[in-house]
Amino acid sequence: MAEITWIKLKTDMFDSTKIRLIEKLPEGDTILVIWIKLLTAAGKANSNGYIMLTENIPMNVEEMSVVFDRPLNTVRLALEAFKRYGMVDVEDGELVRIANWEKHQNIDGMEKIREQNRLRKQKERERKKALAAPKNDIVEPCHVTVTTNHATEVEEDIEVDKELKRSTAAITKASPPVNIITFFQENIRFNLSPFETETIIHWENEYPYELIIEAMKRTAMANVTTLRYTEGILIDWQKKRLTTLAEIQRDDEAFNQKKGGKRYETNTRGVQTNSGNRGSEHDDFSL
């Protein structure tokens, strides 16, 4: 099962009529705890809202009682209440699925992360396979008379061998791109809210990958941890129609020549500022 560590809960969930009705049931508080446990189990399974014991085995009510550490009769009462109020769907008698699962998880975003992880693992397997592949035998020169056709075949074999070596070298040097969420967590701030995670995922549809990483690097260099700081840098580049690192470097150089200082520095308070004279043009994205 995919490693998804968060779900979305609305702050006004206890204002819901369904939740208020559940609270009035016998053991209503326990039933609400079971609801939260169902949501987290569905998020952990990351199987489109289904409650799964393993990747291929759905969790039945008896197993829920054990996993959730709640009495079996209470779990059954909870599921009946959830079905009545349209909070879960039960298929084939025991296959439980959270209704309207997209309200609790960014399905498109999670699918994108799942695909990124799959491609990364695939590239890593290819790299290891290339490194472990036996080297082709080297064609040794020999003092024999050969026909033109045989010589051509030997030359072709040598070219194939060279091409294989070039391909192996390329695979070895190529490293899979860093997941932008992981990069942000490892270099700026680990704890991200669901909204912040969605925002970062949205960036991939708005900005080039290398610009997102560069903006995060500049945020980390400035010792700033706000997401809007990074987004401010990206928006600034977008307004200037800068789409490559080379264009950004030229823009930095032009700015430095104009202002007489370096564009990105870190002051004693750990906030990125612009050196030189500050006029109407500046790049202070701090909040």
Protein backbone atom coordinates (compact mmCIF):
# COMPACT_ATOMS: atom_id res chain seq x y z
CA MET A 1 0.00 0.00 0.00
CA ALA A 2 1.21 3.52 -0.78
CA GLU A 3 2.66 5.59 2.06
CA ILE A 4 0.15 8.44 2.52
CA THR A 5 0.36 10.10 5.93
CA TRP A 6 -2.50 12.63 5.96
CA ILE A 7 -6.20 13.08 5.32
CA LYS A 8 -8.42 16.18 5.23
CA LEU A 9 -10.86 16.98 8.04
CA LYS A 10 -13.06 20.07 7.95
CA THR A 11 -12.97 22.27 11.04
CA ASP A 12 -16.78 22.47 11.03
CA MET A 13 -17.30 18.71 10.91
CA PHE A 14 -19.00 18.74 14.33
CA ASP A 15 -21.58 21.19 13.00
CA SER A 16 -22.79 18.50 10.59
CA THR A 17 -26.29 17.19 11.25
CA LYS A 18 -25.07 13.62 10.74
CA ILE A 19 -22.32 14.01 13.33
CA ARG A 20 -24.75 15.56 15.82
CA LEU A 21 -27.16 12.66 15.37
CA ILE A 22 -24.34 10.16 15.87
CA GLU A 23 -23.28 11.93 19.07
CA LYS A 24 -26.75 11.26 20.49
CA LEU A 25 -26.50 7.51 19.85
CA PRO A 26 -25.52 5.09 22.63
CA GLU A 27 -21.71 5.17 22.77
CA GLY A 28 -21.80 8.10 20.33
CA ASP A 29 -18.32 9.29 21.29
CA THR A 30 -16.87 5.83 20.63
CA ILE A 31 -18.65 5.71 17.26
CA LEU A 32 -17.08 9.05 16.29
CA VAL A 33 -13.66 7.68 17.22
CA ILE A 34 -14.38 4.69 14.97
CA TRP A 35 -15.26 7.14 12.15
CA ILE A 36 -11.90 8.89 12.49
CA LYS A 37 -10.14 5.52 12.58
CA LEU A 38 -11.96 4.49 9.39
CA LEU A 39 -10.81 7.69 7.66
CA THR A 40 -7.19 7.18 8.70
CA ALA A 41 -7.32 3.51 7.66
CA ALA A 42 -8.65 4.52 4.23
CA GLY A 43 -5.92 7.15 3.92
CA LYS A 44 -3.22 4.68 4.90
CA ALA A 45 -4.49 2.12 2.37
CA ASN A 46 -4.69 4.83 -0.33
CA SER A 47 -7.07 2.60 -2.25
CA ASN A 48 -9.69 5.13 -3.34
CA GLY A 49 -11.44 5.11 0.04
CA TYR A 50 -11.60 1.36 0.64
CA ILE A 51 -10.75 0.02 4.11
CA MET A 52 -8.01 -2.54 3.47
CA LEU A 53 -6.15 -4.90 5.79
CA THR A 54 -3.42 -5.42 3.18
CA GLU A 55 -3.07 -4.31 -0.42
CA ASN A 56 -5.31 -7.17 -1.63
CA ILE A 57 -7.37 -8.06 1.47
CA PRO A 58 -10.31 -5.89 2.59
CA MET A 59 -10.80 -5.40 6.33
CA ASN A 60 -13.98 -7.02 7.67
CA VAL A 61 -15.91 -5.94 10.75
CA GLU A 62 -14.25 -8.49 13.06
CA GLU A 63 -10.81 -7.31 11.97
CA MET A 64 -11.87 -3.67 12.44
CA SER A 65 -12.79 -4.50 16.02
CA VAL A 66 -9.30 -5.83 16.66
CA VAL A 67 -7.39 -3.13 14.70
CA PHE A 68 -9.45 -0.26 16.14
CA ASP A 69 -9.43 -1.83 19.63
CA ARG A 70 -13.18 -1.36 20.07
CA PRO A 71 -15.95 -3.87 20.99
CA LEU A 72 -17.31 -5.80 18.03
CA ASN A 73 -20.94 -4.85 18.70
CA THR A 74 -19.97 -1.17 18.87
CA VAL A 75 -18.16 -1.41 15.52
CA ARG A 76 -21.23 -3.05 13.98
CA LEU A 77 -23.48 -0.32 15.42
CA ALA A 78 -21.12 2.31 14.04
CA LEU A 79 -21.14 0.81 10.52
CA GLU A 80 -24.94 0.66 10.55
CA ALA A 81 -25.09 4.33 11.51
CA PHE A 82 -22.54 5.28 8.87
CA LYS A 83 -24.49 3.37 6.19
CA ARG A 84 -27.77 4.99 7.23
CA TYR A 85 -26.30 8.48 6.91
CA GLY A 86 -24.52 7.75 3.63
CA MET A 87 -21.03 8.06 5.12
CA VAL A 88 -19.86 4.62 3.95
CA ASP A 89 -20.79 2.15 1.24
CA VAL A 90 -20.68 -1.58 1.94
CA GLU A 91 -20.15 -3.86 -1.05
CA ASP A 92 -20.46 -7.66 -1.11
CA GLY A 93 -21.39 -7.72 2.56
CA GLU A 94 -18.04 -6.64 4.02
CA LEU A 95 -16.10 -4.44 1.57
CA VAL A 96 -16.32 -1.02 3.24
CA ARG A 97 -15.59 2.21 1.35
CA ILE A 98 -15.73 5.81 2.56
CA ALA A 99 -18.39 7.66 0.55
CA ASN A 100 -17.26 10.85 -1.20
CA TRP A 101 -13.65 9.96 -0.46
CA GLU A 102 -12.40 12.90 -2.55
CA LYS A 103 -13.57 15.21 0.27
CA HIS A 104 -10.97 13.68 2.56
CA GLN A 105 -8.07 13.18 0.17
CA ASN A 106 -6.63 14.86 -2.92
CA ILE A 107 -7.12 11.87 -5.20
CA ASP A 108 -5.45 13.40 -8.26
CA GLY A 109 -2.50 14.62 -6.20
CA MET A 110 -2.02 11.26 -4.50
CA GLU A 111 -2.19 9.46 -7.84
CA LYS A 112 0.50 11.80 -9.14
CA ILE A 113 2.74 11.08 -6.15
CA ARG A 114 2.12 7.35 -6.57
CA GLU A 115 3.13 7.56 -10.25
CA GLN A 116 6.26 9.59 -9.40
CA ASN A 117 7.30 6.97 -6.85
CA ARG A 118 6.67 4.18 -9.36
CA LEU A 119 8.80 5.87 -12.03
CA ARG A 120 11.57 6.57 -9.53
CA LYS A 121 11.68 2.94 -8.44
CA GLN A 122 11.62 1.80 -12.08
CA LYS A 123 14.59 4.02 -12.96
CA GLU A 124 16.48 2.79 -9.91
CA ARG A 125 15.90 -0.83 -10.93
CA GLU A 126 17.09 -0.07 -14.46
CA ARG A 127 20.20 1.62 -13.11
CA LYS A 128 21.04 -1.35 -10.86
CA LYS A 129 20.35 -3.77 -13.70
CA ALA A 130 22.69 -1.83 -16.00
CA LEU A 131 25.44 -1.82 -13.38
CA ALA A 132 25.06 -5.54 -12.76
CA ALA A 133 25.03 -6.48 -16.45
CA PRO A 134 28.21 -8.37 -17.55
CA LYS A 135 30.54 -6.46 -19.81
CA ASN A 136 30.62 -7.50 -23.43
CA ASP A 137 33.64 -9.42 -24.55
CA ILE A 138 36.29 -7.18 -26.08
CA VAL A 139 37.17 -8.07 -29.65
CA GLU A 140 40.86 -8.90 -29.69
CA PRO A 141 42.85 -8.27 -32.84
CA CYS A 142 43.95 -11.45 -34.56
CA HIS A 143 46.44 -12.11 -37.36
CA VAL A 144 44.17 -13.89 -39.76
CA THR A 145 42.88 -13.06 -43.17
CA VAL A 146 39.20 -12.23 -43.11
CA THR A 147 36.69 -11.44 -45.78
CA THR A 148 35.18 -7.99 -46.21
CA ASN A 149 31.85 -9.23 -44.87
CA HIS A 150 33.46 -10.64 -41.71
CA ALA A 151 35.35 -7.40 -41.11
CA THR A 152 32.11 -5.46 -41.42
CA GLU A 153 30.45 -7.72 -38.86
CA VAL A 154 33.32 -7.21 -36.41
CA GLU A 155 33.11 -3.45 -36.85
CA GLU A 156 29.38 -3.59 -36.23
CA ASP A 157 29.96 -5.63 -33.06
CA ILE A 158 32.45 -3.05 -31.83
CA GLU A 159 30.00 -0.21 -32.51
CA VAL A 160 27.25 -2.08 -30.68
CA ASP A 161 29.61 -2.62 -27.73
CA LYS A 162 30.44 1.10 -27.65
CA GLU A 163 26.78 2.03 -27.79
CA LEU A 164 25.99 -0.30 -24.92
CA LYS A 165 28.76 1.25 -22.85
CA ARG A 166 27.47 4.74 -23.62
CA SER A 167 23.94 3.70 -22.64
CA THR A 168 25.18 2.15 -19.41
CA ALA A 169 27.12 5.30 -18.56
CA ALA A 170 24.08 7.45 -19.25
CA ILE A 171 21.88 5.31 -17.02
CA THR A 172 24.50 5.34 -14.28
CA LYS A 173 24.85 9.13 -14.33
CA ALA A 174 21.14 9.83 -14.62
CA SER A 175 19.49 10.30 -11.26
CA PRO A 176 15.73 10.42 -10.83
CA PRO A 177 14.29 13.88 -10.11
CA VAL A 178 13.74 14.72 -6.47
CA ASN A 179 10.12 14.81 -5.37
CA ILE A 180 9.39 18.50 -4.74
CA ILE A 181 7.43 17.78 -1.55
CA THR A 182 10.30 15.70 -0.20
CA PHE A 183 12.78 18.43 -1.18
CA PHE A 184 10.76 21.07 0.67
CA GLN A 185 10.44 18.88 3.78
CA GLU A 186 14.13 17.99 3.87
CA ASN A 187 15.45 21.51 3.25
CA ILE A 188 12.88 24.00 4.53
CA ARG A 189 10.21 22.57 6.82
CA PHE A 190 9.09 18.98 7.39
CA ASN A 191 5.56 19.55 8.71
CA LEU A 192 3.15 20.50 5.92
CA SER A 193 -0.59 20.94 6.19
CA PRO A 194 -2.83 19.24 3.60
CA PHE A 195 -3.45 22.64 1.99
CA GLU A 196 0.28 23.33 1.73
CA THR A 197 0.86 19.89 0.20
CA GLU A 198 -1.83 20.54 -2.41
CA THR A 199 -0.28 23.93 -3.15
CA ILE A 200 3.13 22.39 -3.82
CA ILE A 201 1.57 19.72 -6.04
CA HIS A 202 -0.25 22.49 -7.95
CA TRP A 203 3.09 24.21 -8.64
CA GLU A 204 4.11 21.32 -10.89
CA ASN A 205 1.29 22.29 -13.26
CA GLU A 206 2.24 25.97 -13.19
CA TYR A 207 6.05 26.18 -13.18
CA PRO A 208 9.02 24.22 -14.62
CA TYR A 209 10.43 21.62 -12.23
CA GLU A 210 13.94 23.14 -12.10
CA LEU A 211 12.52 26.57 -11.22
CA ILE A 212 10.53 25.11 -8.32
CA ILE A 213 13.68 23.49 -6.92
CA GLU A 214 15.67 26.70 -7.43
CA ALA A 215 13.02 28.76 -5.62
CA MET A 216 13.07 26.28 -2.73
CA LYS A 217 16.87 26.48 -2.58
CA ARG A 218 16.68 30.28 -2.33
CA THR A 219 14.06 29.99 0.38
CA ALA A 220 16.30 27.64 2.36
CA MET A 221 19.32 29.91 1.85
CA ALA A 222 17.29 32.79 3.31
CA ASN A 223 16.32 30.71 6.37
CA VAL A 224 12.63 31.30 5.64
CA THR A 225 10.08 28.54 6.22
CA THR A 226 6.88 30.04 4.80
CA LEU A 227 5.41 28.49 1.68
CA ARG A 228 4.29 31.88 0.36
CA TYR A 229 7.89 33.07 0.27
CA THR A 230 8.78 30.33 -2.23
CA GLU A 231 5.60 30.99 -4.18
CA GLY A 232 6.44 34.71 -4.28
CA ILE A 233 9.74 33.93 -5.99
CA LEU A 234 7.99 31.73 -8.56
CA ILE A 235 5.33 34.35 -9.25
CA ASP A 236 8.02 37.00 -9.70
CA TRP A 237 9.82 34.86 -12.27
CA GLN A 238 6.54 34.13 -14.02
CA LYS A 239 5.74 37.85 -14.30
CA LYS A 240 9.17 38.40 -15.85
CA ARG A 241 8.56 35.43 -18.20
CA LEU A 242 11.67 33.66 -16.95
CA THR A 243 11.35 29.97 -17.76
CA THR A 244 14.91 28.60 -17.50
CA LEU A 245 17.74 28.75 -14.96
CA ALA A 246 19.92 30.51 -17.54
CA GLU A 247 17.36 33.30 -17.91
CA ILE A 248 17.12 33.64 -14.14
CA GLN A 249 20.92 33.86 -13.85
CA ARG A 250 21.01 36.64 -16.45
CA ASP A 251 18.22 38.46 -14.62
CA ASP A 252 20.17 38.19 -11.35
CA GLU A 253 23.30 39.55 -13.01
CA ALA A 254 21.39 42.49 -14.48
CA PHE A 255 19.86 43.22 -11.09
CA ASN A 256 23.24 43.07 -9.34
CA GLN A 257 24.80 45.45 -11.85
CA LYS A 258 21.91 47.86 -11.47
CA LYS A 259 21.75 47.78 -7.68
CA GLY A 260 25.44 47.33 -6.97
CA GLY A 261 25.01 44.30 -4.73
CA LYS A 262 23.93 40.69 -4.67
CA ARG A 263 20.26 39.96 -5.08
CA TYR A 264 19.99 37.10 -2.61
CA GLU A 265 21.70 37.37 0.74
CA THR A 266 20.83 36.42 4.30
CA ASN A 267 20.75 39.09 6.98
CA THR A 268 21.37 38.56 10.70
CA ARG A 269 17.69 37.83 11.26
CA GLY A 270 17.74 35.04 8.67
CA VAL A 271 15.47 36.84 6.19
CA GLN A 272 16.41 37.19 2.53
CA THR A 273 16.95 40.79 1.44
CA ASN A 274 18.33 42.72 -1.50
CA SER A 275 21.64 44.47 -1.08
CA GLY A 276 22.29 47.86 -2.57
CA ASN A 277 19.81 50.70 -2.96
CA ARG A 278 16.20 49.69 -2.53
CA GLY A 279 13.95 51.46 -4.99
CA SER A 280 10.61 50.51 -6.37
CA GLU A 281 12.04 47.22 -7.71
CA HIS A 282 12.76 44.63 -5.05
CA ASP A 283 12.47 40.92 -4.39
CA ASP A 284 11.52 40.74 -0.71
CA PHE A 285 9.10 37.81 -0.57
CA SER A 286 9.11 37.38 3.21
CA LEU A 287 5.87 37.64 5.16
